[in-house]
Amino acid sequence: MSAFQRVAAYAPPGVTALSLGVVGSVFGRRTGVPAFEVGVCAERPGPLRTDLGLEMRVDHGPELIAGADLVLLLPGLEFRDEPPEVLAALRTAYERGATVAAHCVGTFLLAATGLVDGLEVTTHWRYAEDLAARYPQVTVRPGALYIDHGGTATGAGATAGLDLSLHLLRRDHGAAVANLVARDLVTPPHRDGGQSQYIAASVPSDGDDRRLADTIAWARANLDRRLAIDELAARALMSRRSFARRFKAATGATPHAWLRNQRLDLAEELLETTDLPVEEIARRVGYRDAGVLRERFTQRRGVPPRDYRRAFSRHHAAP
């Protein structure tokens, strides 16, 4: 599967303005990012109302899907509609090699195509039971943030569309591109798909919250070190148990899982943007030797670091 270039976003009646904003924000033109061809289509060209009651003009129908490399099925108010022409266009695009992705209630339309029969999918937790009842041929995982099967991908509700879009950008175009876009949008560049979609994080209100935030920032800046949970808890002035509980409430992941993902995220970017040997990259991201990095990296990406570098190297030095 080659990296996508042409992006088609399907907008159902009552399409959410937030999802349209995500498409424009992630795949819009900016320096240092591939110039994607992005278009919005509907069941038929013409006026279309968003969930806010605002009217927009859509110039394309399902034919836009036929030529796309990535098709995004956006959520909308009338998400239970199954337009035959749209379903046919989605199946054709998938068979041609396009990735078909949906988030929130957009997953209903993807399930209707039959392309995810026998697979796990996710959606907004509020609609998970409805999706499972309507399409018993799919397995609904209501707790997942997003699930990627290669040719199809699904995400949870609302802002999970941003997480899914950044994941697809990272998957096909590399960490450097995804991180650049995330920095522009002032959002975390990577949240693991298995992370819970609902994080009961409180608004910082006391010294513990501030110390936790400072400790997380310090850990991210010191990934070359061996970071023990007890050391992090002591830095946050908490017991190990309290630290683990509050850390997961704030990030949606255990400290161990969060550190692993941060190390591998950094390794991806260093592989893409530097000529450093794998042994040096392993040291910089906190692994005792290159063999451990290779094992962890291959588990995540399916290819060893050197193969990843050949595929994604940007041939420029890191800052």
C-alpha atoms as a PDB file:
ATOM      1  CA  MET A   1       0.000   0.000   0.000  1.00  0.00           C
ATOM      2  CA  SER A   2       1.553   3.301  -1.121  1.00  0.00           C
ATOM      3  CA  ALA A   3       1.311   6.543   0.854  1.00  0.00           C
ATOM      4  CA  PHE A   4      -1.944   8.372   0.196  1.00  0.00           C
ATOM      5  CA  GLN A   5      -2.014  11.650  -1.746  1.00  0.00           C
ATOM      6  CA  ARG A   6      -5.648  12.194  -2.747  1.00  0.00           C
ATOM      7  CA  VAL A   7      -8.073  12.553   0.163  1.00  0.00           C
ATOM      8  CA  ALA A   8     -11.867  12.404  -0.200  1.00  0.00           C
ATOM      9  CA  ALA A   9     -14.051  13.265   2.796  1.00  0.00           C
ATOM     10  CA  TYR A  10     -17.643  12.011   2.560  1.00  0.00           C
ATOM     11  CA  ALA A  11     -20.097  14.347   4.298  1.00  0.00           C
ATOM     12  CA  PRO A  12     -23.535  12.945   5.209  1.00  0.00           C
ATOM     13  CA  PRO A  13     -26.539  15.199   5.874  1.00  0.00           C
ATOM     14  CA  GLY A  14     -25.939  17.150   9.082  1.00  0.00           C
ATOM     15  CA  VAL A  15     -22.186  16.560   8.867  1.00  0.00           C
ATOM     16  CA  THR A  16     -20.440  17.770  12.005  1.00  0.00           C
ATOM     17  CA  ALA A  17     -18.546  21.018  11.583  1.00  0.00           C
ATOM     18  CA  LEU A  18     -15.843  19.663  13.885  1.00  0.00           C
ATOM     19  CA  SER A  19     -15.052  16.760  11.551  1.00  0.00           C
ATOM     20  CA  LEU A  20     -14.838  19.094   8.556  1.00  0.00           C
ATOM     21  CA  GLY A  21     -12.428  21.246  10.549  1.00  0.00           C
ATOM     22  CA  VAL A  22     -10.268  18.215  11.333  1.00  0.00           C
ATOM     23  CA  VAL A  23      -9.969  17.348   7.631  1.00  0.00           C
ATOM     24  CA  GLY A  24      -8.938  20.883   6.727  1.00  0.00           C
ATOM     25  CA  SER A  25      -6.568  21.218   9.671  1.00  0.00           C
ATOM     26  CA  VAL A  26      -4.704  17.933   9.245  1.00  0.00           C
ATOM     27  CA  PHE A  27      -4.581  17.630   5.458  1.00  0.00           C
ATOM     28  CA  GLY A  28      -4.481  21.315   4.495  1.00  0.00           C
ATOM     29  CA  ARG A  29      -1.439  22.769   2.765  1.00  0.00           C
ATOM     30  CA  ARG A  30       1.555  23.753   4.894  1.00  0.00           C
ATOM     31  CA  THR A  31       5.308  23.919   4.479  1.00  0.00           C
ATOM     32  CA  GLY A  32       7.142  20.652   5.069  1.00  0.00           C
ATOM     33  CA  VAL A  33       4.071  18.479   4.451  1.00  0.00           C
ATOM     34  CA  PRO A  34       3.042  16.727   1.213  1.00  0.00           C
ATOM     35  CA  ALA A  35       0.556  18.755  -0.821  1.00  0.00           C
ATOM     36  CA  PHE A  36      -2.549  16.604  -0.458  1.00  0.00           C
ATOM     37  CA  GLU A  37      -5.427  16.869  -2.899  1.00  0.00           C
ATOM     38  CA  VAL A  38      -8.408  17.219  -0.564  1.00  0.00           C
ATOM     39  CA  GLY A  39     -12.052  17.299  -1.549  1.00  0.00           C
ATOM     40  CA  VAL A  40     -15.428  16.988   0.170  1.00  0.00           C
ATOM     41  CA  CYS A  41     -18.207  14.966  -1.426  1.00  0.00           C
ATOM     42  CA  ALA A  42     -21.798  14.073  -0.576  1.00  0.00           C
ATOM     43  CA  GLU A  43     -24.478  11.726  -1.853  1.00  0.00           C
ATOM     44  CA  ARG A  44     -25.084  14.311  -4.555  1.00  0.00           C
ATOM     45  CA  PRO A  45     -23.554  17.735  -5.337  1.00  0.00           C
ATOM     46  CA  GLY A  46     -25.329  20.819  -4.072  1.00  0.00           C
ATOM     47  CA  PRO A  47     -26.233  22.478  -0.776  1.00  0.00           C
ATOM     48  CA  LEU A  48     -25.649  20.569   2.454  1.00  0.00           C
ATOM     49  CA  ARG A  49     -26.397  21.601   6.040  1.00  0.00           C
ATOM     50  CA  THR A  50     -23.986  20.951   8.887  1.00  0.00           C
ATOM     51  CA  ASP A  51     -24.967  20.015  12.415  1.00  0.00           C
ATOM     52  CA  LEU A  52     -24.815  23.728  13.277  1.00  0.00           C
ATOM     53  CA  GLY A  53     -27.477  24.544  10.677  1.00  0.00           C
ATOM     54  CA  LEU A  54     -24.962  26.275   8.424  1.00  0.00           C
ATOM     55  CA  GLU A  55     -25.345  25.621   4.705  1.00  0.00           C
ATOM     56  CA  MET A  56     -22.331  24.675   2.611  1.00  0.00           C
ATOM     57  CA  ARG A  57     -22.039  23.877  -1.074  1.00  0.00           C
ATOM     58  CA  VAL A  58     -20.571  20.503  -2.013  1.00  0.00           C
ATOM     59  CA  ASP A  59     -19.273  20.258  -5.569  1.00  0.00           C
ATOM     60  CA  HIS A  60     -18.698  16.508  -5.745  1.00  0.00           C
ATOM     61  CA  GLY A  61     -20.751  13.349  -5.505  1.00  0.00           C
ATOM     62  CA  PRO A  62     -19.565   9.755  -4.911  1.00  0.00           C
ATOM     63  CA  GLU A  63     -17.371   9.912  -8.020  1.00  0.00           C
ATOM     64  CA  LEU A  64     -14.744  11.718  -5.942  1.00  0.00           C
ATOM     65  CA  ILE A  65     -14.358   8.579  -3.815  1.00  0.00           C
ATOM     66  CA  ALA A  66     -13.419   6.513  -6.862  1.00  0.00           C
ATOM     67  CA  GLY A  67     -10.142   8.370  -7.406  1.00  0.00           C
ATOM     68  CA  ALA A  68      -9.083   8.822  -3.773  1.00  0.00           C
ATOM     69  CA  ASP A  69      -6.237   7.101  -1.935  1.00  0.00           C
ATOM     70  CA  LEU A  70      -7.772   7.854   1.469  1.00  0.00           C
ATOM     71  CA  VAL A  71     -11.520   8.107   2.058  1.00  0.00           C
ATOM     72  CA  LEU A  72     -12.747   9.630   5.313  1.00  0.00           C
ATOM     73  CA  LEU A  73     -16.340   8.921   6.332  1.00  0.00           C
ATOM     74  CA  LEU A  74     -17.386  11.843   8.499  1.00  0.00           C
ATOM     75  CA  PRO A  75     -20.065  11.709  11.210  1.00  0.00           C
ATOM     76  CA  GLY A  76     -23.387  13.490  10.759  1.00  0.00           C
ATOM     77  CA  LEU A  77     -26.914  13.734  12.103  1.00  0.00           C
ATOM     78  CA  GLU A  78     -28.386  11.290   9.563  1.00  0.00           C
ATOM     79  CA  PHE A  79     -25.727   8.630  10.062  1.00  0.00           C
ATOM     80  CA  ARG A  80     -28.071   5.645   9.578  1.00  0.00           C
ATOM     81  CA  ASP A  81     -28.573   6.400   5.872  1.00  0.00           C
ATOM     82  CA  GLU A  82     -26.978   3.887   3.481  1.00  0.00           C
ATOM     83  CA  PRO A  83     -26.932   5.494  -0.013  1.00  0.00           C
ATOM     84  CA  PRO A  84     -26.368   2.653  -2.542  1.00  0.00           C
ATOM     85  CA  GLU A  85     -24.176   4.795  -4.824  1.00  0.00           C
ATOM     86  CA  VAL A  86     -21.918   5.729  -1.914  1.00  0.00           C
ATOM     87  CA  LEU A  87     -21.643   2.124  -0.704  1.00  0.00           C
ATOM     88  CA  ALA A  88     -20.686   0.986  -4.213  1.00  0.00           C
ATOM     89  CA  ALA A  89     -18.089   3.747  -4.552  1.00  0.00           C
ATOM     90  CA  LEU A  90     -16.543   2.814  -1.201  1.00  0.00           C
ATOM     91  CA  ARG A  91     -16.252  -0.845  -2.134  1.00  0.00           C
ATOM     92  CA  THR A  92     -14.661   0.072  -5.472  1.00  0.00           C
ATOM     93  CA  ALA A  93     -12.151   2.389  -3.805  1.00  0.00           C
ATOM     94  CA  TYR A  94     -11.231  -0.273  -1.254  1.00  0.00           C
ATOM     95  CA  GLU A  95     -10.756  -2.934  -3.939  1.00  0.00           C
ATOM     96  CA  ARG A  96      -8.494  -0.503  -5.810  1.00  0.00           C
ATOM     97  CA  GLY A  97      -6.261  -0.190  -2.724  1.00  0.00           C
ATOM     98  CA  ALA A  98      -7.594   2.927  -1.017  1.00  0.00           C
ATOM     99  CA  THR A  99      -7.822   3.171   2.761  1.00  0.00           C
ATOM    100  CA  VAL A 100     -11.384   3.743   3.999  1.00  0.00           C
ATOM    101  CA  ALA A 101     -11.497   5.320   7.462  1.00  0.00           C
ATOM    102  CA  ALA A 102     -14.400   6.427   9.641  1.00  0.00           C
ATOM    103  CA  HIS A 103     -14.818   7.837  13.113  1.00  0.00           C
ATOM    104  CA  CYS A 104     -17.687   8.394  15.513  1.00  0.00           C
ATOM    105  CA  VAL A 105     -21.006   7.507  13.847  1.00  0.00           C
ATOM    106  CA  GLY A 106     -19.289   7.498  10.456  1.00  0.00           C
ATOM    107  CA  THR A 107     -18.458   3.884  11.358  1.00  0.00           C
ATOM    108  CA  PHE A 108     -22.108   2.959  10.682  1.00  0.00           C
ATOM    109  CA  LEU A 109     -21.653   3.674   6.958  1.00  0.00           C
ATOM    110  CA  LEU A 110     -18.377   1.743   6.852  1.00  0.00           C
ATOM    111  CA  ALA A 111     -20.061  -1.245   8.527  1.00  0.00           C
ATOM    112  CA  ALA A 112     -22.837  -1.111   5.929  1.00  0.00           C
ATOM    113  CA  THR A 113     -20.302  -1.680   3.120  1.00  0.00           C
ATOM    114  CA  GLY A 114     -19.357  -5.112   4.499  1.00  0.00           C
ATOM    115  CA  LEU A 115     -15.673  -4.169   4.313  1.00  0.00           C
ATOM    116  CA  VAL A 116     -15.211  -4.677   8.068  1.00  0.00           C
ATOM    117  CA  ASP A 117     -17.230  -7.886   8.446  1.00  0.00           C
ATOM    118  CA  GLY A 118     -15.451 -10.138  10.939  1.00  0.00           C
ATOM    119  CA  LEU A 119     -13.197  -7.303  12.115  1.00  0.00           C
ATOM    120  CA  GLU A 120     -13.028  -5.158  15.239  1.00  0.00           C
ATOM    121  CA  VAL A 121     -14.235  -1.553  14.927  1.00  0.00           C
ATOM    122  CA  THR A 122     -14.829   1.328  17.273  1.00  0.00           C
ATOM    123  CA  THR A 123     -17.172   4.303  17.448  1.00  0.00           C
ATOM    124  CA  HIS A 124     -18.359   6.845  19.985  1.00  0.00           C
ATOM    125  CA  TRP A 125     -19.027   4.929  23.200  1.00  0.00           C
ATOM    126  CA  ARG A 126     -22.588   6.249  23.310  1.00  0.00           C
ATOM    127  CA  TYR A 127     -23.465   4.517  20.009  1.00  0.00           C
ATOM    128  CA  ALA A 128     -21.499   1.289  20.496  1.00  0.00           C
ATOM    129  CA  GLU A 129     -24.514  -0.863  21.453  1.00  0.00           C
ATOM    130  CA  ASP A 130     -26.555   0.531  18.565  1.00  0.00           C
ATOM    131  CA  LEU A 131     -23.742  -0.247  16.103  1.00  0.00           C
ATOM    132  CA  ALA A 132     -23.316  -3.793  17.436  1.00  0.00           C
ATOM    133  CA  ALA A 133     -27.061  -4.472  17.210  1.00  0.00           C
ATOM    134  CA  ARG A 134     -27.402  -3.043  13.707  1.00  0.00           C
ATOM    135  CA  TYR A 135     -24.307  -4.793  12.312  1.00  0.00           C
ATOM    136  CA  PRO A 136     -23.754  -8.045  14.255  1.00  0.00           C
ATOM    137  CA  GLN A 137     -21.151  -9.126  11.685  1.00  0.00           C
ATOM    138  CA  VAL A 138     -18.635  -6.678  13.193  1.00  0.00           C
ATOM    139  CA  THR A 139     -17.070  -6.737  16.656  1.00  0.00           C
ATOM    140  CA  VAL A 140     -17.426  -3.395  18.400  1.00  0.00           C
ATOM    141  CA  ARG A 141     -14.716  -2.339  20.852  1.00  0.00           C
ATOM    142  CA  PRO A 142     -16.296   0.688  22.557  1.00  0.00           C
ATOM    143  CA  GLY A 143     -13.238   1.473  24.670  1.00  0.00           C
ATOM    144  CA  ALA A 144     -10.676   1.839  21.864  1.00  0.00           C
ATOM    145  CA  LEU A 145      -9.540   5.234  20.610  1.00  0.00           C
ATOM    146  CA  TYR A 146      -8.972   3.952  17.085  1.00  0.00           C
ATOM    147  CA  ILE A 147      -8.396   0.617  15.317  1.00  0.00           C
ATOM    148  CA  ASP A 148      -6.366   0.238  12.120  1.00  0.00           C
ATOM    149  CA  HIS A 149      -6.660  -2.822   9.869  1.00  0.00           C
ATOM    150  CA  GLY A 150      -4.643  -1.359   6.993  1.00  0.00           C
ATOM    151  CA  GLY A 151      -7.305  -1.024   4.303  1.00  0.00           C
ATOM    152  CA  THR A 152      -9.901   0.107   6.843  1.00  0.00           C
ATOM    153  CA  ALA A 153      -9.650   2.099  10.064  1.00  0.00           C
ATOM    154  CA  THR A 154     -12.164   3.340  12.617  1.00  0.00           C
ATOM    155  CA  GLY A 155     -12.014   5.910  15.400  1.00  0.00           C
ATOM    156  CA  ALA A 156     -14.053   6.860  18.432  1.00  0.00           C
ATOM    157  CA  GLY A 157     -16.115  10.017  18.822  1.00  0.00           C
ATOM    158  CA  ALA A 158     -15.491  13.713  18.243  1.00  0.00           C
ATOM    159  CA  THR A 159     -11.804  14.617  18.643  1.00  0.00           C
ATOM    160  CA  ALA A 160     -10.760  10.983  18.094  1.00  0.00           C
ATOM    161  CA  GLY A 161     -11.106  11.927  14.430  1.00  0.00           C
ATOM    162  CA  LEU A 162      -8.020  14.064  14.957  1.00  0.00           C
ATOM    163  CA  ASP A 163      -6.157  11.179  16.617  1.00  0.00           C
ATOM    164  CA  LEU A 164      -7.125   8.824  13.786  1.00  0.00           C
ATOM    165  CA  SER A 165      -6.123  11.322  11.094  1.00  0.00           C
ATOM    166  CA  LEU A 166      -2.725  11.945  12.709  1.00  0.00           C
ATOM    167  CA  HIS A 167      -2.241   8.184  13.051  1.00  0.00           C
ATOM    168  CA  LEU A 168      -2.932   7.661   9.329  1.00  0.00           C
ATOM    169  CA  LEU A 169      -0.602  10.538   8.483  1.00  0.00           C
ATOM    170  CA  ARG A 170       2.080   9.002  10.686  1.00  0.00           C
ATOM    171  CA  ARG A 171       1.511   5.518   9.260  1.00  0.00           C
ATOM    172  CA  ASP A 172       1.844   6.534   5.615  1.00  0.00           C
ATOM    173  CA  HIS A 173       4.063   9.637   5.730  1.00  0.00           C
ATOM    174  CA  GLY A 174       6.136   9.149   8.871  1.00  0.00           C
ATOM    175  CA  ALA A 175       6.555  10.613  12.330  1.00  0.00           C
ATOM    176  CA  ALA A 176       8.270  13.847  11.226  1.00  0.00           C
ATOM    177  CA  VAL A 177       5.314  14.907   9.075  1.00  0.00           C
ATOM    178  CA  ALA A 178       2.716  13.910  11.681  1.00  0.00           C
ATOM    179  CA  ASN A 179       4.645  15.666  14.450  1.00  0.00           C
ATOM    180  CA  LEU A 180       4.933  18.849  12.389  1.00  0.00           C
ATOM    181  CA  VAL A 181       1.175  18.912  11.812  1.00  0.00           C
ATOM    182  CA  ALA A 182       0.482  18.158  15.481  1.00  0.00           C
ATOM    183  CA  ARG A 183       2.751  20.991  16.601  1.00  0.00           C
ATOM    184  CA  ASP A 184       0.893  23.375  14.294  1.00  0.00           C
ATOM    185  CA  LEU A 185      -2.398  22.235  15.831  1.00  0.00           C
ATOM    186  CA  VAL A 186      -0.994  22.302  19.385  1.00  0.00           C
ATOM    187  CA  THR A 187      -2.102  18.724  20.025  1.00  0.00           C
ATOM    188  CA  PRO A 188      -0.272  15.564  21.132  1.00  0.00           C
ATOM    189  CA  PRO A 189       1.323  14.008  18.028  1.00  0.00           C
ATOM    190  CA  HIS A 190       0.465  10.425  18.906  1.00  0.00           C
ATOM    191  CA  ARG A 191      -2.045   8.728  21.161  1.00  0.00           C
ATOM    192  CA  ASP A 192      -1.969   4.959  21.013  1.00  0.00           C
ATOM    193  CA  GLY A 193      -5.045   3.384  19.411  1.00  0.00           C
ATOM    194  CA  GLY A 194      -5.575   1.023  22.320  1.00  0.00           C
ATOM    195  CA  GLN A 195      -5.832   3.933  24.725  1.00  0.00           C
ATOM    196  CA  SER A 196      -9.188   4.479  26.358  1.00  0.00           C
ATOM    197  CA  GLN A 197     -11.377   6.976  24.466  1.00  0.00           C
ATOM    198  CA  TYR A 198     -12.737   8.364  27.718  1.00  0.00           C
ATOM    199  CA  ILE A 199     -10.150   9.816  30.085  1.00  0.00           C
ATOM    200  CA  ALA A 200     -11.459  11.085  33.399  1.00  0.00           C
ATOM    201  CA  ALA A 201      -8.827  13.792  33.753  1.00  0.00           C
ATOM    202  CA  SER A 202      -9.607  16.622  36.104  1.00  0.00           C
ATOM    203  CA  VAL A 203      -8.830  20.242  35.401  1.00  0.00           C
ATOM    204  CA  PRO A 204      -5.543  21.058  37.185  1.00  0.00           C
ATOM    205  CA  SER A 205      -6.547  22.508  40.510  1.00  0.00           C
ATOM    206  CA  ASP A 206      -3.846  21.789  43.041  1.00  0.00           C
ATOM    207  CA  GLY A 207      -0.137  21.299  43.559  1.00  0.00           C
ATOM    208  CA  ASP A 208      -0.355  17.588  42.759  1.00  0.00           C
ATOM    209  CA  ASP A 209      -1.662  18.334  39.252  1.00  0.00           C
ATOM    210  CA  ARG A 210       1.107  20.813  38.590  1.00  0.00           C
ATOM    211  CA  ARG A 211       3.802  18.462  39.853  1.00  0.00           C
ATOM    212  CA  LEU A 212       2.372  15.634  37.743  1.00  0.00           C
ATOM    213  CA  ALA A 213       2.421  17.809  34.622  1.00  0.00           C
ATOM    214  CA  ASP A 214       6.004  18.890  35.366  1.00  0.00           C
ATOM    215  CA  THR A 215       7.058  15.272  35.910  1.00  0.00           C
ATOM    216  CA  ILE A 216       5.525  14.177  32.599  1.00  0.00           C
ATOM    217  CA  ALA A 217       7.325  17.010  30.793  1.00  0.00           C
ATOM    218  CA  TRP A 218      10.602  16.113  32.545  1.00  0.00           C
ATOM    219  CA  ALA A 219      10.250  12.436  31.593  1.00  0.00           C
ATOM    220  CA  ARG A 220       9.610  13.341  27.957  1.00  0.00           C
ATOM    221  CA  ALA A 221      12.796  15.434  27.928  1.00  0.00           C
ATOM    222  CA  ASN A 222      14.884  12.667  29.556  1.00  0.00           C
ATOM    223  CA  LEU A 223      13.981   9.576  27.557  1.00  0.00           C
ATOM    224  CA  ASP A 224      17.668   8.674  27.240  1.00  0.00           C
ATOM    225  CA  ARG A 225      17.674   7.808  30.944  1.00  0.00           C
ATOM    226  CA  ARG A 226      16.398   4.728  32.695  1.00  0.00           C
ATOM    227  CA  LEU A 227      13.178   6.106  34.173  1.00  0.00           C
ATOM    228  CA  ALA A 228      11.881   4.036  37.067  1.00  0.00           C
ATOM    229  CA  ILE A 229       8.281   4.543  38.188  1.00  0.00           C
ATOM    230  CA  ASP A 230       9.469   5.064  41.770  1.00  0.00           C
ATOM    231  CA  GLU A 231      11.746   7.891  40.607  1.00  0.00           C
ATOM    232  CA  LEU A 232       8.918   9.585  38.724  1.00  0.00           C
ATOM    233  CA  ALA A 233       6.561   9.193  41.684  1.00  0.00           C
ATOM    234  CA  ALA A 234       9.162  10.720  44.014  1.00  0.00           C
ATOM    235  CA  ARG A 235       9.667  13.648  41.621  1.00  0.00           C
ATOM    236  CA  ALA A 236       5.898  14.240  41.698  1.00  0.00           C
ATOM    237  CA  LEU A 237       5.926  13.925  45.515  1.00  0.00           C
ATOM    238  CA  MET A 238       3.430  11.063  45.408  1.00  0.00           C
ATOM    239  CA  SER A 239       3.342   7.452  46.475  1.00  0.00           C
ATOM    240  CA  ARG A 240       3.857   4.936  43.668  1.00  0.00           C
ATOM    241  CA  ARG A 241       0.195   3.888  43.831  1.00  0.00           C
ATOM    242  CA  SER A 242      -1.159   7.453  43.769  1.00  0.00           C
ATOM    243  CA  PHE A 243       1.206   8.405  40.962  1.00  0.00           C
ATOM    244  CA  ALA A 244       0.150   5.451  38.802  1.00  0.00           C
ATOM    245  CA  ARG A 245      -3.525   6.193  39.377  1.00  0.00           C
ATOM    246  CA  ARG A 246      -3.268   9.923  38.639  1.00  0.00           C
ATOM    247  CA  PHE A 247      -0.927   9.354  35.689  1.00  0.00           C
ATOM    248  CA  LYS A 248      -3.424   7.044  33.985  1.00  0.00           C
ATOM    249  CA  ALA A 249      -6.287   9.447  34.714  1.00  0.00           C
ATOM    250  CA  ALA A 250      -4.310  12.252  33.050  1.00  0.00           C
ATOM    251  CA  THR A 251      -2.878  10.378  30.030  1.00  0.00           C
ATOM    252  CA  GLY A 252      -5.108   7.342  29.508  1.00  0.00           C
ATOM    253  CA  ALA A 253      -2.110   5.008  29.762  1.00  0.00           C
ATOM    254  CA  THR A 254       0.014   3.399  32.450  1.00  0.00           C
ATOM    255  CA  PRO A 255       3.432   4.998  33.048  1.00  0.00           C
ATOM    256  CA  HIS A 256       5.133   1.948  31.516  1.00  0.00           C
ATOM    257  CA  ALA A 257       3.007   2.024  28.333  1.00  0.00           C
ATOM    258  CA  TRP A 258       3.363   5.794  28.024  1.00  0.00           C
ATOM    259  CA  LEU A 259       7.159   5.634  28.297  1.00  0.00           C
ATOM    260  CA  ARG A 260       7.338   2.834  25.718  1.00  0.00           C
ATOM    261  CA  ASN A 261       5.291   4.845  23.231  1.00  0.00           C
ATOM    262  CA  GLN A 262       7.289   8.021  23.859  1.00  0.00           C
ATOM    263  CA  ARG A 263      10.563   6.163  23.277  1.00  0.00           C
ATOM    264  CA  LEU A 264       9.335   4.600  20.039  1.00  0.00           C
ATOM    265  CA  ASP A 265       7.853   7.908  18.831  1.00  0.00           C
ATOM    266  CA  LEU A 266      11.234   9.565  19.289  1.00  0.00           C
ATOM    267  CA  ALA A 267      13.013   6.642  17.615  1.00  0.00           C
ATOM    268  CA  GLU A 268      10.759   7.011  14.554  1.00  0.00           C
ATOM    269  CA  GLU A 269      11.532  10.700  14.224  1.00  0.00           C
ATOM    270  CA  LEU A 270      15.279  10.186  14.646  1.00  0.00           C
ATOM    271  CA  LEU A 271      15.266   7.432  12.020  1.00  0.00           C
ATOM    272  CA  GLU A 272      13.499   9.751   9.589  1.00  0.00           C
ATOM    273  CA  THR A 273      15.397  12.962  10.192  1.00  0.00           C
ATOM    274  CA  THR A 274      18.967  11.942  11.076  1.00  0.00           C
ATOM    275  CA  ASP A 275      21.719   9.623   9.875  1.00  0.00           C
ATOM    276  CA  LEU A 276      22.475   8.441  13.409  1.00  0.00           C
ATOM    277  CA  PRO A 277      23.325   4.732  13.706  1.00  0.00           C
ATOM    278  CA  VAL A 278      20.576   2.572  15.169  1.00  0.00           C
ATOM    279  CA  GLU A 279      22.853   1.895  18.154  1.00  0.00           C
ATOM    280  CA  GLU A 280      23.043   5.646  18.941  1.00  0.00           C
ATOM    281  CA  ILE A 281      19.292   6.077  18.473  1.00  0.00           C
ATOM    282  CA  ALA A 282      18.703   3.220  20.906  1.00  0.00           C
ATOM    283  CA  ARG A 283      20.867   5.031  23.467  1.00  0.00           C
ATOM    284  CA  ARG A 284      19.083   8.346  22.928  1.00  0.00           C
ATOM    285  CA  VAL A 285      15.650   6.830  23.482  1.00  0.00           C
ATOM    286  CA  GLY A 286      16.667   4.897  26.590  1.00  0.00           C
ATOM    287  CA  TYR A 287      17.211   1.308  25.443  1.00  0.00           C
ATOM    288  CA  ARG A 288      20.245  -0.548  26.739  1.00  0.00           C
ATOM    289  CA  ASP A 289      21.189  -1.834  23.274  1.00  0.00           C
ATOM    290  CA  ALA A 290      20.069  -1.741  19.654  1.00  0.00           C
ATOM    291  CA  GLY A 291      18.667  -5.278  19.861  1.00  0.00           C
ATOM    292  CA  VAL A 292      15.995  -4.215  22.344  1.00  0.00           C
ATOM    293  CA  LEU A 293      15.036  -1.260  20.145  1.00  0.00           C
ATOM    294  CA  ARG A 294      14.807  -3.490  17.071  1.00  0.00           C
ATOM    295  CA  GLU A 295      12.527  -5.911  18.887  1.00  0.00           C
ATOM    296  CA  ARG A 296      10.197  -3.208  20.265  1.00  0.00           C
ATOM    297  CA  PHE A 297      10.211  -1.254  17.001  1.00  0.00           C
ATOM    298  CA  THR A 298       9.386  -4.293  14.875  1.00  0.00           C
ATOM    299  CA  GLN A 299       6.537  -5.209  17.217  1.00  0.00           C
ATOM    300  CA  ARG A 300       5.025  -1.765  16.682  1.00  0.00           C
ATOM    301  CA  ARG A 301       5.746  -1.082  13.005  1.00  0.00           C
ATOM    302  CA  GLY A 302       6.071  -4.571  11.557  1.00  0.00           C
ATOM    303  CA  VAL A 303       9.474  -3.716  10.053  1.00  0.00           C
ATOM    304  CA  PRO A 304      12.928  -3.278  11.646  1.00  0.00           C
ATOM    305  CA  PRO A 305      14.387   0.231  12.107  1.00  0.00           C
ATOM    306  CA  ARG A 306      16.639   0.134   9.022  1.00  0.00           C
ATOM    307  CA  ASP A 307      13.750  -0.806   6.725  1.00  0.00           C
ATOM    308  CA  TYR A 308      11.639   1.936   8.280  1.00  0.00           C
ATOM    309  CA  ARG A 309      14.440   4.443   7.671  1.00  0.00           C
ATOM    310  CA  ARG A 310      14.679   3.491   4.000  1.00  0.00           C
ATOM    311  CA  ALA A 311      10.934   4.003   3.592  1.00  0.00           C
ATOM    312  CA  PHE A 312      10.524   7.259   5.530  1.00  0.00           C
ATOM    313  CA  SER A 313      13.876   9.048   5.613  1.00  0.00           C
ATOM    314  CA  ARG A 314      13.487  12.776   4.888  1.00  0.00           C
ATOM    315  CA  HIS A 315      17.223  13.227   4.217  1.00  0.00           C
ATOM    316  CA  HIS A 316      17.634  16.270   6.419  1.00  0.00           C
ATOM    317  CA  ALA A 317      19.312  16.773   9.754  1.00  0.00           C
ATOM    318  CA  ALA A 318      17.311  17.043  12.921  1.00  0.00           C
ATOM    319  CA  PRO A 319      17.369  20.401  14.735  1.00  0.00           C
END
